[in-house]
Protein backbone atom coordinates (compact mmCIF):
# COMPACT_ATOMS: atom_id res chain seq x y z
CA MET A 1 -0.19 0.03 0.25
CA GLN A 2 1.42 3.92 -0.44
CA GLU A 3 1.08 5.98 2.06
CA ARG A 4 1.41 9.82 2.36
CA ALA A 5 4.87 10.95 3.86
CA GLY A 6 3.75 13.01 7.17
CA ASN A 7 0.70 12.93 10.22
CA GLU A 8 -1.99 10.01 9.07
CA PRO A 9 -5.55 12.14 9.36
CA ARG A 10 -6.91 11.22 12.61
CA ILE A 11 -10.55 9.55 12.75
CA ASP A 12 -12.71 11.82 14.51
CA ALA A 13 -15.82 10.87 16.18
CA ASP A 14 -17.49 14.05 15.89
CA GLU A 15 -17.00 14.23 12.12
CA ILE A 16 -18.06 10.79 11.85
CA LEU A 17 -21.26 12.03 13.85
CA GLU A 18 -21.97 14.91 11.35
CA GLY A 19 -21.64 12.44 8.56
CA ILE A 20 -24.66 10.32 10.16
CA ARG A 21 -26.44 13.44 10.44
CA ARG A 22 -26.50 14.35 7.21
CA TRP A 23 -27.65 10.51 5.75
CA VAL A 24 -30.25 10.33 8.63
CA SER A 25 -32.05 14.10 7.77
CA VAL A 26 -33.01 12.27 4.74
CA GLU A 27 -36.29 9.99 5.70
CA THR A 28 -36.20 7.06 3.63
CA PRO A 29 -39.33 4.85 4.32
CA SER A 30 -38.76 1.47 1.86
CA HIS A 31 -42.00 1.83 -0.29
CA ASP A 32 -40.85 5.38 -1.27
CA GLY A 33 -38.35 4.95 -4.09
CA VAL A 34 -37.88 8.86 -4.70
CA ALA A 35 -36.94 9.57 -0.66
CA VAL A 36 -34.60 7.22 -0.94
CA ASN A 37 -32.88 8.29 -4.13
CA LYS A 38 -32.57 11.26 -2.51
CA LEU A 39 -30.37 9.84 -0.20
CA ASN A 40 -28.85 8.10 -3.18
CA ASP A 41 -27.73 11.42 -4.40
CA VAL A 42 -26.43 12.37 -1.86
CA VAL A 43 -24.20 9.08 -1.07
CA GLU A 44 -23.32 9.04 -4.79
CA GLY A 45 -22.11 12.82 -4.50
CA GLU A 46 -19.99 11.73 -1.13
CA LEU A 47 -18.14 8.84 -2.97
CA ARG A 48 -17.64 10.42 -6.24
CA ALA A 49 -15.60 13.25 -4.26
CA ILE A 50 -13.25 10.76 -3.44
CA GLY A 51 -12.25 9.36 -6.89
CA ALA A 52 -15.41 6.25 -6.78
CA VAL A 53 -16.42 4.43 -9.74
CA ILE A 54 -19.80 4.66 -9.55
CA ASP A 55 -22.67 2.23 -11.08
CA ARG A 56 -26.25 2.59 -10.63
CA VAL A 57 -29.06 0.93 -11.92
CA PRO A 58 -32.46 2.61 -11.42
CA GLY A 59 -34.82 1.02 -9.05
CA ILE A 60 -38.13 -0.83 -10.55
CA ASP A 61 -41.74 -1.13 -9.04
CA GLY A 62 -41.50 1.50 -7.03
CA PHE A 63 -38.46 1.09 -5.47
CA GLY A 64 -35.48 3.60 -5.78
CA ASP A 65 -32.12 2.76 -7.37
CA VAL A 66 -29.39 0.14 -6.43
CA LEU A 67 -26.08 1.83 -5.92
CA THR A 68 -22.74 0.63 -6.44
CA ALA A 69 -18.92 2.32 -5.74
CA ARG A 70 -15.87 0.67 -6.22
CA THR A 71 -12.46 1.87 -5.53
CA PRO A 72 -10.26 2.99 -8.18
CA TRP A 73 -7.50 0.61 -7.37
CA GLY A 74 -7.47 -3.21 -7.62
CA GLY A 75 -8.95 -3.61 -10.96
CA ASP A 76 -11.33 -5.92 -11.23
CA GLY A 77 -10.24 -9.08 -9.21
CA PRO A 78 -12.04 -10.40 -6.32
CA GLY A 79 -12.34 -7.99 -3.77
CA ILE A 80 -13.70 -6.80 -0.12
CA LEU A 81 -18.08 -6.22 -0.98
CA VAL A 82 -19.58 -3.88 1.96
CA VAL A 83 -23.63 -4.51 1.76
CA SER A 84 -25.40 -1.43 2.90
CA HIS A 85 -29.36 -0.66 2.86
CA LEU A 86 -30.33 3.10 2.76
CA ASP A 87 -34.11 2.75 3.84
CA THR A 88 -35.70 2.25 6.70
CA VAL A 89 -38.87 1.11 8.63
CA HIS A 90 -39.73 4.90 9.90
CA PRO A 91 -42.24 7.12 7.95
CA HIS A 92 -42.35 10.21 6.58
CA GLY A 93 -41.81 12.53 9.83
CA SER A 94 -40.81 10.44 11.90
CA ILE A 95 -37.74 12.84 12.70
CA ASP A 96 -39.65 15.46 13.64
CA THR A 97 -41.07 13.61 16.59
CA PRO A 98 -39.96 14.61 20.01
CA GLU A 99 -39.17 10.82 20.51
CA LEU A 100 -37.12 10.33 17.21
CA GLN A 101 -35.61 14.19 16.69
CA TRP A 102 -32.39 14.11 15.53
CA ARG A 103 -30.33 14.76 19.58
CA ARG A 104 -27.42 13.58 21.92
CA GLU A 105 -28.40 12.86 25.19
CA GLY A 106 -25.32 11.46 26.87
CA ASP A 107 -23.62 8.88 24.88
CA SER A 108 -26.84 8.33 23.00
CA VAL A 109 -27.95 9.88 19.80
CA PHE A 110 -31.32 9.23 18.54
CA GLY A 111 -32.84 9.16 14.83
CA PRO A 112 -35.05 7.16 12.46
CA GLY A 113 -32.93 4.44 11.06
CA ILE A 114 -29.44 5.99 12.86
CA TYR A 115 -29.08 2.35 14.46
CA ASP A 116 -30.65 0.23 11.73
CA MET A 117 -28.63 0.89 9.78
CA LYS A 118 -27.24 4.36 8.87
CA ALA A 119 -24.63 4.98 10.91
CA GLY A 120 -22.69 1.34 10.10
CA ALA A 121 -23.61 2.69 6.60
CA HIS A 122 -21.78 5.90 6.55
CA MET A 123 -19.12 4.88 9.21
CA ALA A 124 -17.84 1.94 5.88
CA PHE A 125 -17.65 4.88 4.19
CA TYR A 126 -15.61 7.08 6.58
CA ALA A 127 -13.39 4.19 6.28
CA TYR A 128 -13.03 4.05 2.78
CA ARG A 129 -12.65 8.29 2.76
CA HIS A 130 -9.85 7.71 5.66
CA LEU A 131 -7.89 5.92 3.26
CA VAL A 132 -8.08 7.93 0.41
CA ARG A 133 -6.98 10.92 2.85
CA ALA A 134 -3.93 9.11 3.94
CA ALA A 135 -3.35 8.35 0.31
CA LYS A 136 -3.23 4.46 0.96
CA GLU A 137 -4.66 1.63 -1.19
CA SER A 138 -6.00 -1.57 0.07
CA PRO A 139 -4.46 -4.87 -0.75
CA LEU A 140 -7.77 -5.71 -2.62
CA PRO A 141 -10.68 -3.77 -4.29
CA ILE A 142 -13.52 -2.26 -2.01
CA THR A 143 -16.89 -2.39 -3.86
CA PHE A 144 -19.71 -0.73 -1.86
CA CYS A 145 -23.64 -1.75 -2.66
CA PHE A 146 -26.26 0.76 -1.16
CA VAL A 147 -30.14 -1.30 -1.71
CA PRO A 148 -32.97 0.47 -1.41
CA GLU A 149 -35.42 -2.20 0.11
CA GLU A 150 -33.58 -4.42 2.78
CA GLU A 151 -36.24 -4.09 5.40
CA ILE A 152 -38.60 -5.21 2.98
CA GLY A 153 -36.32 -8.72 1.70
CA SER A 154 -34.26 -6.82 -1.01
CA PRO A 155 -36.97 -8.30 -3.54
CA THR A 156 -34.94 -6.02 -6.33
CA SER A 157 -31.29 -6.08 -5.38
CA ARG A 158 -31.06 -9.51 -4.00
CA VAL A 159 -29.70 -10.61 -7.84
CA THR A 160 -27.13 -7.69 -7.69
CA ILE A 161 -26.23 -8.48 -4.36
CA GLU A 162 -25.55 -11.94 -5.29
CA ARG A 163 -23.95 -11.09 -8.55
CA LEU A 164 -21.55 -8.85 -6.35
CA ALA A 165 -20.84 -11.67 -4.02
CA ARG A 166 -19.63 -14.21 -6.54
CA ASN A 167 -16.49 -11.62 -7.53
CA ALA A 168 -16.02 -11.22 -3.51
CA LYS A 169 -13.49 -12.97 -1.52
CA TYR A 170 -14.84 -11.72 1.79
CA VAL A 171 -18.31 -9.47 2.46
CA LEU A 172 -18.72 -7.07 5.48
CA VAL A 173 -22.23 -6.20 5.98
CA THR A 174 -23.24 -2.72 8.09
CA GLU A 175 -25.62 -3.68 9.66
CA PRO A 176 -25.86 -3.07 13.27
CA ALA A 177 -24.11 -4.60 16.38
CA ARG A 178 -25.57 -6.73 18.83
CA ASP A 179 -25.68 -7.01 22.65
CA GLY A 180 -23.31 -4.57 23.57
CA GLY A 181 -20.95 -4.15 20.43
CA ARG A 182 -21.05 -8.18 19.38
CA ILE A 183 -21.13 -8.58 15.67
CA VAL A 184 -22.70 -11.25 13.52
CA THR A 185 -21.45 -14.67 11.93
CA SER A 186 -24.85 -16.15 11.75
CA ARG A 187 -28.37 -15.70 11.26
CA LYS A 188 -31.76 -17.72 11.19
CA GLY A 189 -33.25 -17.37 7.57
CA VAL A 190 -36.79 -16.19 7.09
CA GLY A 191 -39.81 -17.41 5.31
CA ARG A 192 -42.58 -15.78 4.35
CA PHE A 193 -45.89 -17.23 3.37
CA VAL A 194 -49.52 -15.26 2.59
CA ILE A 195 -52.61 -17.84 3.46
CA LYS A 196 -55.79 -16.70 1.99
CA ALA A 197 -59.70 -17.82 2.50
CA ARG A 198 -62.61 -17.62 0.16
CA GLY A 199 -65.80 -18.56 1.57
CA ARG A 200 -69.16 -17.82 0.93
CA PRO A 201 -70.96 -14.45 2.03
CA SER A 202 -74.33 -14.08 2.76
CA HIS A 203 -76.44 -12.05 5.18
CA ALA A 204 -75.20 -12.20 8.91
CA GLY A 205 -78.99 -11.83 10.29
CA VAL A 206 -80.92 -13.07 8.06
CA ARG A 207 -79.41 -15.85 6.14
CA HIS A 208 -76.68 -16.61 8.37
CA GLN A 209 -76.71 -20.42 7.62
CA ASP A 210 -76.01 -20.10 4.10
CA GLY A 211 -72.51 -18.11 4.71
CA ARG A 212 -69.22 -20.01 5.06
CA SER A 213 -66.50 -17.96 7.07
CA ALA A 214 -63.35 -17.38 5.68
CA ILE A 215 -62.43 -15.44 8.65
CA ARG A 216 -63.53 -18.28 10.95
CA GLU A 217 -61.50 -20.30 8.70
CA ILE A 218 -57.99 -18.27 8.86
CA ALA A 219 -58.57 -18.39 12.60
CA HIS A 220 -57.96 -21.75 12.53
CA GLN A 221 -55.15 -21.37 10.36
CA ILE A 222 -53.44 -19.11 12.55
CA LEU A 223 -54.03 -21.30 15.59
CA ALA A 224 -52.31 -24.21 13.56
CA VAL A 225 -49.50 -21.96 12.31
CA GLU A 226 -48.36 -20.63 15.84
CA ALA A 227 -48.61 -24.02 17.30
CA MET A 228 -45.35 -24.57 14.75
CA THR A 229 -43.46 -22.17 16.92
CA ASP A 230 -40.62 -24.51 18.49
CA TYR A 231 -38.21 -22.65 20.61
CA GLY A 232 -35.77 -25.91 21.28
CA ARG A 233 -35.36 -26.41 17.85
CA GLY A 234 -35.09 -22.25 17.10
CA ILE A 235 -38.63 -21.98 14.87
CA THR A 236 -40.37 -19.08 15.29
CA THR A 237 -44.03 -18.34 13.36
CA ASN A 238 -45.51 -15.32 13.44
CA VAL A 239 -49.05 -14.25 11.73
CA GLY A 240 -48.15 -10.66 11.69
CA LEU A 241 -50.91 -9.43 9.27
CA ILE A 242 -54.59 -10.12 8.83
CA HIS A 243 -56.96 -8.46 6.39
CA GLY A 244 -60.61 -9.79 5.70
CA GLY A 245 -64.22 -8.85 5.80
CA THR A 246 -66.20 -6.26 4.08
CA GLY A 247 -68.82 -5.72 6.91
CA VAL A 248 -69.77 -6.76 10.62
CA ASN A 249 -73.59 -7.98 9.45
CA VAL A 250 -71.71 -10.04 6.37
CA VAL A 251 -70.27 -13.74 7.16
CA PRO A 252 -67.10 -12.59 5.24
CA GLN A 253 -65.67 -14.33 2.06
CA GLU A 254 -62.01 -13.24 2.19
CA CYS A 255 -59.67 -13.47 4.30
CA THR A 256 -56.32 -13.23 3.96
CA CYS A 257 -53.30 -13.83 7.07
CA GLU A 258 -49.51 -13.03 6.33
CA VAL A 259 -47.04 -15.18 8.24
CA ASP A 260 -43.47 -14.70 9.01
CA LEU A 261 -41.23 -17.87 9.39
CA ARG A 262 -37.80 -17.70 10.88
CA VAL A 263 -34.95 -21.24 11.24
CA PRO A 264 -31.99 -22.08 11.78
CA ASP A 265 -30.47 -24.41 9.19
CA PRO A 266 -31.46 -25.34 5.25
CA ALA A 267 -32.94 -28.60 6.46
CA ILE A 268 -35.13 -27.10 8.70
CA ALA A 269 -36.03 -24.65 6.05
CA GLU A 270 -37.22 -27.32 3.99
CA GLU A 271 -39.61 -29.15 6.49
CA MET A 272 -41.32 -25.99 7.71
CA THR A 273 -41.89 -24.46 4.23
CA THR A 274 -43.43 -28.12 3.15
CA ARG A 275 -45.36 -28.25 6.13
CA ILE A 276 -46.87 -24.35 5.79
CA LEU A 277 -47.54 -25.46 2.27
CA ALA A 278 -49.52 -27.96 3.28
CA LEU A 279 -51.99 -26.65 4.96
CA THR A 280 -55.72 -27.77 4.16
CA SER A 281 -58.97 -25.82 5.06
CA LYS A 282 -61.03 -27.22 7.79
CA ASP A 283 -63.98 -26.21 6.50
CA PRO A 284 -64.26 -28.35 3.10
CA ASP A 285 -66.87 -25.32 1.76
CA VAL A 286 -63.90 -22.74 2.01
CA LYS A 287 -61.09 -23.08 -0.57
CA LEU A 288 -57.44 -22.13 0.68
CA THR A 289 -54.84 -21.46 -1.16
CA VAL A 290 -51.04 -20.80 0.49
CA GLU A 291 -48.21 -19.06 -1.50
CA GLY A 292 -44.62 -18.11 -0.48
CA GLY A 293 -41.33 -19.60 0.60
CA MET A 294 -37.74 -18.46 2.22
CA ASN A 295 -37.36 -15.19 1.32
CA ARG A 296 -34.10 -15.09 2.95
CA PRO A 297 -31.54 -18.73 3.35
CA PRO A 298 -30.34 -19.23 6.96
CA TYR A 299 -26.88 -17.90 7.38
CA THR A 300 -24.58 -20.45 9.11
CA LYS A 301 -20.71 -19.70 10.38
CA ASP A 302 -18.64 -22.00 8.30
CA GLU A 303 -14.99 -22.45 8.45
CA GLY A 304 -14.80 -19.55 6.18
CA ILE A 305 -16.92 -17.15 8.40
CA ALA A 306 -14.88 -18.48 11.47
CA ALA A 307 -11.74 -17.72 10.28
CA LEU A 308 -12.63 -14.27 9.23
CA PHE A 309 -14.15 -13.34 12.58
CA ASP A 310 -10.84 -14.50 14.20
CA HIS A 311 -9.05 -12.20 11.81
CA ALA A 312 -11.50 -9.35 12.54
CA ARG A 313 -10.96 -10.13 16.65
CA LYS A 314 -7.78 -9.91 16.24
CA GLU A 315 -7.45 -6.45 14.62
CA ALA A 316 -10.06 -5.24 16.97
CA ALA A 317 -7.75 -7.12 20.35
CA GLY A 318 -5.25 -4.17 18.55
CA LEU A 319 -7.44 -1.48 18.77
CA GLY A 320 -8.12 -2.15 22.33
CA PHE A 321 -11.07 -3.99 22.58
CA ASP A 322 -12.45 -7.65 22.40
CA LEU A 323 -14.72 -8.22 19.62
CA GLN A 324 -17.14 -10.81 20.45
CA ASP A 325 -19.82 -12.59 18.17
CA VAL A 326 -23.47 -13.48 18.88
CA PRO A 327 -24.26 -17.24 18.62
CA LEU A 328 -27.43 -17.10 16.51
CA THR A 329 -30.36 -13.95 15.67
CA GLY A 330 -33.50 -14.13 14.43
CA GLY A 331 -33.22 -11.06 12.44
CA GLY A 332 -32.70 -11.55 8.66
CA SER A 333 -30.00 -9.64 6.10
CA ASP A 334 -28.85 -9.16 3.14
CA GLY A 335 -25.39 -10.94 4.76
CA ASN A 336 -27.84 -14.46 4.74
CA PHE A 337 -27.75 -13.93 0.55
CA THR A 338 -23.78 -13.78 0.38
CA ALA A 339 -23.19 -16.20 3.38
CA ALA A 340 -25.29 -19.14 1.77
CA LEU A 341 -23.18 -18.60 -1.73
CA GLY A 342 -20.58 -19.61 0.68
CA ILE A 343 -18.48 -16.20 0.73
CA PRO A 344 -16.89 -15.54 4.42
CA THR A 345 -19.39 -12.86 5.38
CA LEU A 346 -18.85 -10.93 8.60
CA ASP A 347 -22.30 -8.94 10.01
CA GLY A 348 -23.31 -6.51 12.46
CA LEU A 349 -20.41 -4.13 11.96
CA GLY A 350 -21.78 -1.05 12.24
CA ALA A 351 -22.18 0.97 15.49
CA ASP A 352 -23.96 0.04 18.98
CA GLY A 353 -26.95 1.02 20.13
CA LYS A 354 -30.55 -0.43 20.54
CA GLY A 355 -33.77 0.00 19.45
CA ALA A 356 -34.29 -0.79 15.76
CA HIS A 357 -37.82 -0.22 14.56
CA THR A 358 -38.78 1.71 17.43
CA ASP A 359 -39.69 5.20 18.47
CA TYR A 360 -36.58 5.10 20.69
CA GLU A 361 -33.99 4.22 18.40
CA GLN A 362 -30.64 5.09 19.08
CA ILE A 363 -27.13 4.66 18.77
CA TYR A 364 -23.77 5.13 21.29
CA TYR A 365 -21.44 7.37 20.31
CA SER A 366 -18.78 6.03 22.15
CA SER A 367 -19.25 2.93 19.28
CA LEU A 368 -18.18 5.68 16.53
CA GLU A 369 -14.72 5.76 16.81
CA PRO A 370 -13.23 1.90 17.66
CA ARG A 371 -15.57 0.51 14.97
CA THR A 372 -14.34 3.11 12.10
CA LYS A 373 -11.05 2.51 13.01
CA LEU A 374 -11.40 -1.81 12.97
CA TRP A 375 -13.34 -1.10 9.57
CA VAL A 376 -10.00 0.81 8.43
CA LYS A 377 -7.98 -1.90 9.69
CA LEU A 378 -10.14 -5.00 7.87
CA PHE A 379 -9.85 -2.73 4.55
CA GLU A 380 -5.86 -2.49 5.21
CA THR A 381 -5.24 -6.10 6.19
CA LEU A 382 -7.71 -8.76 4.50
CA ARG A 383 -6.00 -10.29 1.47
């Protein structure tokens, strides 16, 4: 690597925080592609200013663009892929609420999407900019991929993530840290299913006996699905959305529920997918359809991931802190896609904090400098 003569610029937590503030101030609900692209414009401008080679794929289905940026050094060979998402679960106006307005209280800094995951995304960018400022080049080329709809499963960006991952030696994901600064080396797989019931409508008072209630059928199915949860095996099923009926005085003809499935490994994923898709109607006069499958494959800690974690832990120790990982987390991320391809993947490298998806979402200011330094070390030492 080439290094500029003289003192290397320092990593400044206040400067990092100001950059995070710029990104958080642009609100980016997943389903608002125009809003997400406003932040894409900001991020693209900051990357171009430090010489990154930009590729921006227009969004589809109303989602924002997929923005990628590559260091001008290292050629087209396999390198480091950094995966971030710019969308958040928070609706417009969240930053103006008393709970999520931008503010710092002691070590905590609040804002919509600050923890999940704009802080981590900016920290990785800052680490790259630090190399540029220091006139250094990492041994491997670095590619950044910013996706617009991770919070709803990355339906339009998955193909890009997997294509880039196949040309990477390592994948680093800027999702937030867990449990006091731990990083993620394994995640449960995520399945999504939609169960629809179609019954027979009738007047609830005059001809109740002629009706066949779709809502009653879905109620049976909800109990069946929820009963599939098995904490001992690491399986959870959750019916999170229900829609149905037309009026309180009508036996409902239509009802739909949506199911979230979390599983620890591919074998259980296959087993549970088969079980859910095989659900049948309790009432033979009600038609039941079940659609869906695994949205994110399980992310398991294999030898490559273990070796990458050991390397990161050694670098963290040199910076003065003990890096630990969580055995398994139930939340999915784009790291599930890359790990399933066999690419060594480290996740949860973003800021420490708490409250993802809540009205008290926050990061810890004290985590910004050491964890950004770790990003720099990983860029400098991975080969």
